[in-house]
Amino acid sequence: MYKMVAIDLDGTLLNSYGEVSKENKEKIKDAINKNIEIVIASGRMPLSIKPICEELGANNYIIAGNGTMVYDTKKDEIIYDKFLEKEKVLDIIKICEENSIYYNIYTDKSIIAKSLNYNVLYYHYENSKRIPEKRTTINIVENMYKYIDEVNTSPILKITICDNDKIIFNRILENKLKKILGVEVLDVAHMSRKVIKQGTEEYNITYFYTEISKKDANKWNAIEFLINKLGISKDEVVAIGDNVNDKEMVENAGLGIAMGGSYLEANKIGDVFVSDNNSNGVAEGFEKYILK
């Protein structure tokens, strides 16, 4: 029997509107009732993940920042971390500023950006649907370099780089960012697509992106730390994901479930494949492979 299920959020558990479907929610709650540990493993920061965990009743542990930290929800403390060093962050800021490319910085408490755009604009939209204490903190600053160098005291999980021009994006990625030593540059090949709904109108947010974290920071390494702490073997772990930042956990877990239509399915990464995130693929995975 499986004892832990690690689930990615965007593109996996959440649909294109950023919602957890009734079907997904019900199957996860069935698993919790069977004493299966549910762990959200996301690229998001803890404060952005916690409201979803509360909605599910999965209130023990969170893996945030693509595995850069493990957060004990009940004790309200970080129990594992692989944070970016300030010097590396400043190097990346310089490259982005010199090449006029959009970026934002994730700390354990907030997202720091120069403007509301791309992924930060989507978090802003999510905040409009939440009560104040459950909103993602977005800190807009004019001089990012100075703020990180002189003001910020929070640990930095990752940096997200975004652009809607694929040629410019790839040139900066290959010629500049991948040459920085001691960091992991996520090799995302496709465009992110999110939907904002305002009344009867829908607006698409689309962009190319990459995420930069400390070397060897990934979701599977964070899971390994957690299962060693809890006395769970890797064969008793299920990992469900869709994107390149889920690759290690889907490959190494006892059962790796990949979402339909995703990067993982396209590259045949995963033991089994389910429907996409808009068709209750997570619920399907629970029903077929975890709750049987």
Protein backbone atom coordinates (compact mmCIF):
# COMPACT_ATOMS: atom_id res chain seq x y z
CA MET A 1 0.00 0.00 0.00
CA TYR A 2 1.21 3.52 -0.76
CA LYS A 3 1.88 5.74 2.24
CA MET A 4 2.62 9.11 0.60
CA VAL A 5 1.42 10.95 -2.50
CA ALA A 6 3.33 14.03 -3.67
CA ILE A 7 1.23 16.20 -6.02
CA ASP A 8 2.27 19.14 -8.17
CA LEU A 9 -0.17 22.09 -8.38
CA ASP A 10 -0.09 24.10 -11.63
CA GLY A 11 -0.84 21.92 -14.62
CA THR A 12 -1.56 18.93 -12.37
CA LEU A 13 -3.96 19.34 -9.44
CA LEU A 14 -5.20 22.80 -10.50
CA ASN A 15 -7.17 23.35 -13.70
CA SER A 16 -6.48 26.28 -16.04
CA TYR A 17 -8.54 28.56 -13.80
CA GLY A 18 -6.39 27.72 -10.76
CA GLU A 19 -9.11 25.63 -9.11
CA VAL A 20 -9.20 22.15 -7.51
CA SER A 21 -12.12 20.23 -8.99
CA LYS A 22 -14.69 18.54 -6.79
CA GLU A 23 -13.60 15.15 -8.15
CA ASN A 24 -9.92 15.73 -7.32
CA LYS A 25 -10.81 17.01 -3.87
CA GLU A 26 -13.00 13.99 -3.03
CA LYS A 27 -10.35 11.42 -4.02
CA ILE A 28 -7.64 13.19 -2.04
CA LYS A 29 -9.87 13.29 1.04
CA ASP A 30 -10.56 9.56 0.60
CA ALA A 31 -6.79 8.96 0.63
CA ILE A 32 -6.32 11.08 3.77
CA ASN A 33 -9.04 9.03 5.46
CA LYS A 34 -6.94 5.94 4.66
CA ASN A 35 -3.95 7.59 6.45
CA ILE A 36 -2.07 8.29 3.22
CA GLU A 37 0.18 11.35 3.60
CA ILE A 38 -0.70 13.97 0.98
CA VAL A 39 2.13 16.42 0.24
CA ILE A 40 1.79 19.30 -2.20
CA ALA A 41 5.11 19.65 -4.07
CA SER A 42 5.02 22.92 -5.99
CA GLY A 43 7.18 25.64 -7.46
CA ARG A 44 5.11 28.11 -5.45
CA MET A 45 6.04 29.66 -2.10
CA PRO A 46 4.46 28.27 1.12
CA LEU A 47 1.93 31.09 1.62
CA SER A 48 0.57 30.47 -1.87
CA ILE A 49 0.29 26.71 -1.24
CA LYS A 50 -1.21 26.73 2.27
CA PRO A 51 -4.77 27.81 1.31
CA ILE A 52 -4.96 24.90 -1.16
CA CYS A 53 -3.66 22.47 1.48
CA GLU A 54 -6.32 23.70 3.91
CA GLU A 55 -8.97 23.22 1.22
CA LEU A 56 -7.82 19.60 0.83
CA GLY A 57 -7.18 18.86 4.51
CA ALA A 58 -3.51 18.11 3.74
CA ASN A 59 -2.05 20.06 6.63
CA ASN A 60 1.21 18.35 7.62
CA TYR A 61 4.00 19.15 5.15
CA ILE A 62 4.58 21.34 2.09
CA ILE A 63 7.37 21.11 -0.49
CA ALA A 64 7.83 24.61 -1.92
CA GLY A 65 10.02 26.40 -4.47
CA ASN A 66 10.53 23.25 -6.60
CA GLY A 67 12.09 21.43 -3.66
CA THR A 68 14.16 24.27 -2.22
CA MET A 69 12.37 23.86 1.12
CA VAL A 70 10.20 21.53 3.17
CA TYR A 71 7.81 23.30 5.52
CA ASP A 72 6.24 21.68 8.60
CA THR A 73 2.79 23.27 8.66
CA LYS A 74 1.85 22.26 12.20
CA LYS A 75 5.11 23.46 13.73
CA ASP A 76 5.23 26.50 11.41
CA GLU A 77 8.89 25.93 10.61
CA ILE A 78 11.24 25.14 7.73
CA ILE A 79 12.78 21.69 8.28
CA TYR A 80 14.85 21.42 5.07
CA ASP A 81 16.27 24.05 2.75
CA LYS A 82 18.47 24.67 -0.31
CA PHE A 83 18.24 28.44 -0.67
CA LEU A 84 19.96 30.57 -3.31
CA GLU A 85 22.96 32.59 -2.16
CA LYS A 86 22.55 36.36 -2.39
CA GLU A 87 25.61 36.73 -4.64
CA LYS A 88 24.08 34.38 -7.25
CA VAL A 89 20.77 36.26 -7.09
CA LEU A 90 22.52 39.58 -7.70
CA ASP A 91 24.38 38.10 -10.70
CA ILE A 92 21.06 36.95 -12.20
CA ILE A 93 19.41 40.33 -11.57
CA LYS A 94 22.27 42.03 -13.46
CA ILE A 95 21.80 39.75 -16.48
CA CYS A 96 18.04 40.31 -16.56
CA GLU A 97 18.36 44.08 -16.19
CA GLU A 98 21.06 44.34 -18.87
CA ASN A 99 18.92 42.32 -21.30
CA SER A 100 15.56 43.92 -20.43
CA ILE A 101 13.99 40.57 -19.54
CA TYR A 102 11.24 40.16 -16.94
CA TYR A 103 12.02 38.32 -13.70
CA ASN A 104 10.67 37.89 -10.18
CA ILE A 105 12.10 36.51 -6.97
CA TYR A 106 10.44 34.04 -4.61
CA THR A 107 11.29 34.23 -0.92
CA ASP A 108 9.74 32.07 1.79
CA LYS A 109 7.26 34.90 2.49
CA SER A 110 6.65 36.86 -0.72
CA ILE A 111 7.18 37.31 -4.44
CA ILE A 112 9.31 40.35 -5.27
CA ALA A 113 8.85 41.94 -8.68
CA LYS A 114 9.13 45.26 -10.50
CA SER A 115 5.63 45.03 -12.00
CA LEU A 116 2.51 42.86 -12.24
CA ASN A 117 3.12 40.72 -15.31
CA TYR A 118 3.14 37.07 -16.44
CA ASN A 119 3.09 34.69 -13.43
CA VAL A 120 2.88 37.56 -10.91
CA LEU A 121 -0.21 38.91 -12.66
CA TYR A 122 -1.82 35.47 -12.26
CA TYR A 123 -1.05 35.39 -8.52
CA HIS A 124 -2.57 38.88 -8.28
CA TYR A 125 -5.71 37.49 -9.91
CA GLU A 126 -5.77 34.55 -7.47
CA ASN A 127 -5.52 37.01 -4.58
CA SER A 128 -8.71 38.74 -5.73
CA LYS A 129 -10.60 35.50 -4.97
CA ARG A 130 -9.09 34.99 -1.49
CA ILE A 131 -9.58 36.56 1.91
CA PRO A 132 -6.65 38.86 2.88
CA GLU A 133 -4.90 36.42 5.24
CA LYS A 134 -4.76 33.74 2.54
CA ARG A 135 -3.34 35.91 -0.24
CA THR A 136 0.12 35.56 -1.78
CA THR A 137 2.21 38.55 -0.72
CA ILE A 138 3.44 40.42 -3.79
CA ASN A 139 6.08 43.06 -3.12
CA ILE A 140 6.55 45.55 -5.99
CA VAL A 141 9.90 47.36 -5.83
CA GLU A 142 11.58 49.77 -8.24
CA ASN A 143 15.24 48.92 -7.69
CA MET A 144 15.49 45.14 -7.35
CA TYR A 145 19.26 44.98 -7.08
CA LYS A 146 19.37 47.47 -4.23
CA TYR A 147 16.40 45.85 -2.48
CA ILE A 148 17.95 42.36 -2.52
CA ASP A 149 21.40 43.68 -1.62
CA GLU A 150 20.42 46.01 1.20
CA VAL A 151 16.82 45.42 2.36
CA ASN A 152 15.67 41.83 1.92
CA THR A 153 16.38 39.48 4.85
CA SER A 154 14.20 36.53 3.76
CA PRO A 155 15.75 33.38 2.27
CA ILE A 156 15.40 33.16 -1.52
CA LEU A 157 13.88 30.00 -2.97
CA LYS A 158 14.09 30.64 -6.71
CA ILE A 159 13.96 33.20 -9.51
CA THR A 160 11.46 33.01 -12.36
CA ILE A 161 12.42 34.48 -15.74
CA CYS A 162 9.65 35.25 -18.26
CA ASP A 163 9.33 36.58 -21.81
CA ASN A 164 6.81 36.29 -24.66
CA ASP A 165 9.50 36.28 -27.38
CA LYS A 166 10.91 32.76 -27.71
CA ILE A 167 14.01 33.82 -29.67
CA ILE A 168 15.07 36.44 -27.12
CA PHE A 169 14.21 34.13 -24.26
CA ASN A 170 16.31 31.23 -25.60
CA ARG A 171 19.27 33.49 -26.38
CA ILE A 172 19.40 34.81 -22.79
CA LEU A 173 18.86 31.30 -21.44
CA GLU A 174 21.67 29.62 -23.39
CA ASN A 175 24.23 32.45 -23.58
CA LYS A 176 23.87 33.99 -20.14
CA LEU A 177 21.85 32.19 -17.46
CA LYS A 178 23.12 28.64 -18.04
CA LYS A 179 26.71 29.82 -17.62
CA ILE A 180 26.22 30.79 -13.97
CA LEU A 181 27.89 28.17 -11.78
CA GLY A 182 26.19 26.61 -8.77
CA VAL A 183 22.61 27.08 -9.94
CA GLU A 184 20.00 24.90 -11.64
CA VAL A 185 18.29 26.42 -14.69
CA LEU A 186 15.02 24.64 -15.45
CA ASP A 187 14.89 23.61 -19.10
CA VAL A 188 11.25 24.41 -19.93
CA ALA A 189 10.54 23.94 -23.63
CA HIS A 190 6.90 25.01 -23.88
CA MET A 191 4.81 28.10 -23.25
CA SER A 192 2.90 28.52 -19.97
CA ARG A 193 -0.82 29.12 -20.46
CA LYS A 194 -3.09 30.40 -17.70
CA VAL A 195 -6.62 31.80 -17.84
CA ILE A 196 -8.05 34.76 -15.93
CA LYS A 197 -11.87 34.88 -15.75
CA GLN A 198 -13.61 38.21 -15.18
CA GLY A 199 -17.37 37.87 -15.35
CA THR A 200 -18.19 36.24 -18.67
CA GLU A 201 -14.86 37.27 -20.21
CA GLU A 202 -11.72 35.11 -20.25
CA TYR A 203 -8.15 36.40 -20.70
CA ASN A 204 -5.16 34.20 -21.53
CA ILE A 205 -1.76 34.77 -19.93
CA THR A 206 0.90 33.07 -22.07
CA TYR A 207 4.67 33.27 -21.79
CA PHE A 208 7.94 31.36 -22.01
CA TYR A 209 9.68 30.91 -18.69
CA THR A 210 12.44 29.26 -16.76
CA GLU A 211 13.11 28.92 -13.05
CA ILE A 212 16.51 29.18 -11.39
CA SER A 213 17.29 27.53 -8.06
CA LYS A 214 20.30 26.25 -6.18
CA LYS A 215 22.20 23.32 -7.70
CA ASP A 216 20.63 19.93 -6.80
CA ALA A 217 17.45 21.54 -5.45
CA ASN A 218 14.55 19.51 -6.82
CA LYS A 219 11.29 18.00 -5.62
CA TRP A 220 12.63 14.45 -5.34
CA ASN A 221 15.53 15.42 -3.06
CA ALA A 222 13.03 17.18 -0.81
CA ILE A 223 10.77 14.11 -0.85
CA GLU A 224 13.73 11.87 0.06
CA PHE A 225 14.45 14.05 3.08
CA LEU A 226 10.81 13.85 4.16
CA ILE A 227 10.36 10.10 3.70
CA ASN A 228 13.58 9.42 5.63
CA LYS A 229 12.19 11.56 8.44
CA LEU A 230 8.84 9.73 8.38
CA GLY A 231 10.23 6.22 7.89
CA ILE A 232 8.63 5.70 4.46
CA SER A 233 10.39 3.82 1.65
CA LYS A 234 10.56 5.21 -1.90
CA ASP A 235 8.47 2.24 -3.10
CA GLU A 236 5.62 3.50 -0.90
CA VAL A 237 5.62 6.94 -2.58
CA VAL A 238 3.49 8.11 -5.51
CA ALA A 239 4.42 11.30 -7.39
CA ILE A 240 2.00 13.08 -9.75
CA GLY A 241 3.19 15.84 -12.08
CA ASP A 242 3.21 17.35 -15.54
CA ASN A 243 6.31 19.47 -16.14
CA VAL A 244 10.10 19.28 -16.27
CA ASN A 245 10.33 20.36 -12.60
CA ASP A 246 8.40 17.17 -11.72
CA LYS A 247 10.71 14.90 -13.71
CA GLU A 248 12.93 13.67 -10.85
CA MET A 249 10.08 12.88 -8.49
CA VAL A 250 8.02 11.08 -11.14
CA GLU A 251 11.07 9.04 -12.23
CA ASN A 252 12.17 8.08 -8.70
CA ALA A 253 8.92 7.48 -6.82
CA GLY A 254 7.56 3.96 -6.39
CA LEU A 255 4.81 4.99 -8.81
CA GLY A 256 5.20 7.97 -11.14
CA ILE A 257 1.97 9.35 -12.60
CA ALA A 258 2.23 11.80 -15.52
CA MET A 259 -0.58 14.10 -16.66
CA GLY A 260 -1.98 13.72 -20.16
CA GLY A 261 -0.87 16.24 -22.76
CA SER A 262 2.08 17.30 -20.62
CA TYR A 263 5.85 17.53 -21.04
CA LEU A 264 6.18 14.27 -19.11
CA GLU A 265 3.78 12.35 -21.32
CA ALA A 266 5.40 13.75 -24.48
CA ASN A 267 8.78 12.50 -23.28
CA LYS A 268 7.40 9.16 -21.97
CA ILE A 269 8.40 9.98 -18.38
CA GLY A 270 6.21 8.15 -15.87
CA ASP A 271 5.01 4.67 -15.07
CA VAL A 272 1.40 5.46 -15.96
CA PHE A 273 -0.43 8.29 -17.73
CA VAL A 274 -3.79 9.87 -16.87
CA SER A 275 -6.06 12.59 -18.28
CA ASP A 276 -5.00 16.24 -18.26
CA ASN A 277 -5.51 18.77 -15.46
CA ASN A 278 -8.79 20.02 -16.95
CA SER A 279 -10.20 16.47 -17.06
CA ASN A 280 -9.65 15.37 -13.42
CA GLY A 281 -6.46 13.44 -14.17
CA VAL A 282 -5.44 13.47 -10.51
CA ALA A 283 -8.76 11.92 -9.43
CA GLU A 284 -8.29 9.28 -12.15
CA GLY A 285 -4.83 8.46 -10.80
CA PHE A 286 -6.14 8.06 -7.26
CA GLU A 287 -9.06 5.90 -8.38
CA LYS A 288 -7.01 3.57 -10.62
CA TYR A 289 -3.72 3.23 -8.79
CA ILE A 290 -3.80 4.55 -5.22
CA LEU A 291 -7.20 3.81 -3.65
CA LYS A 292 -7.71 0.34 -5.17
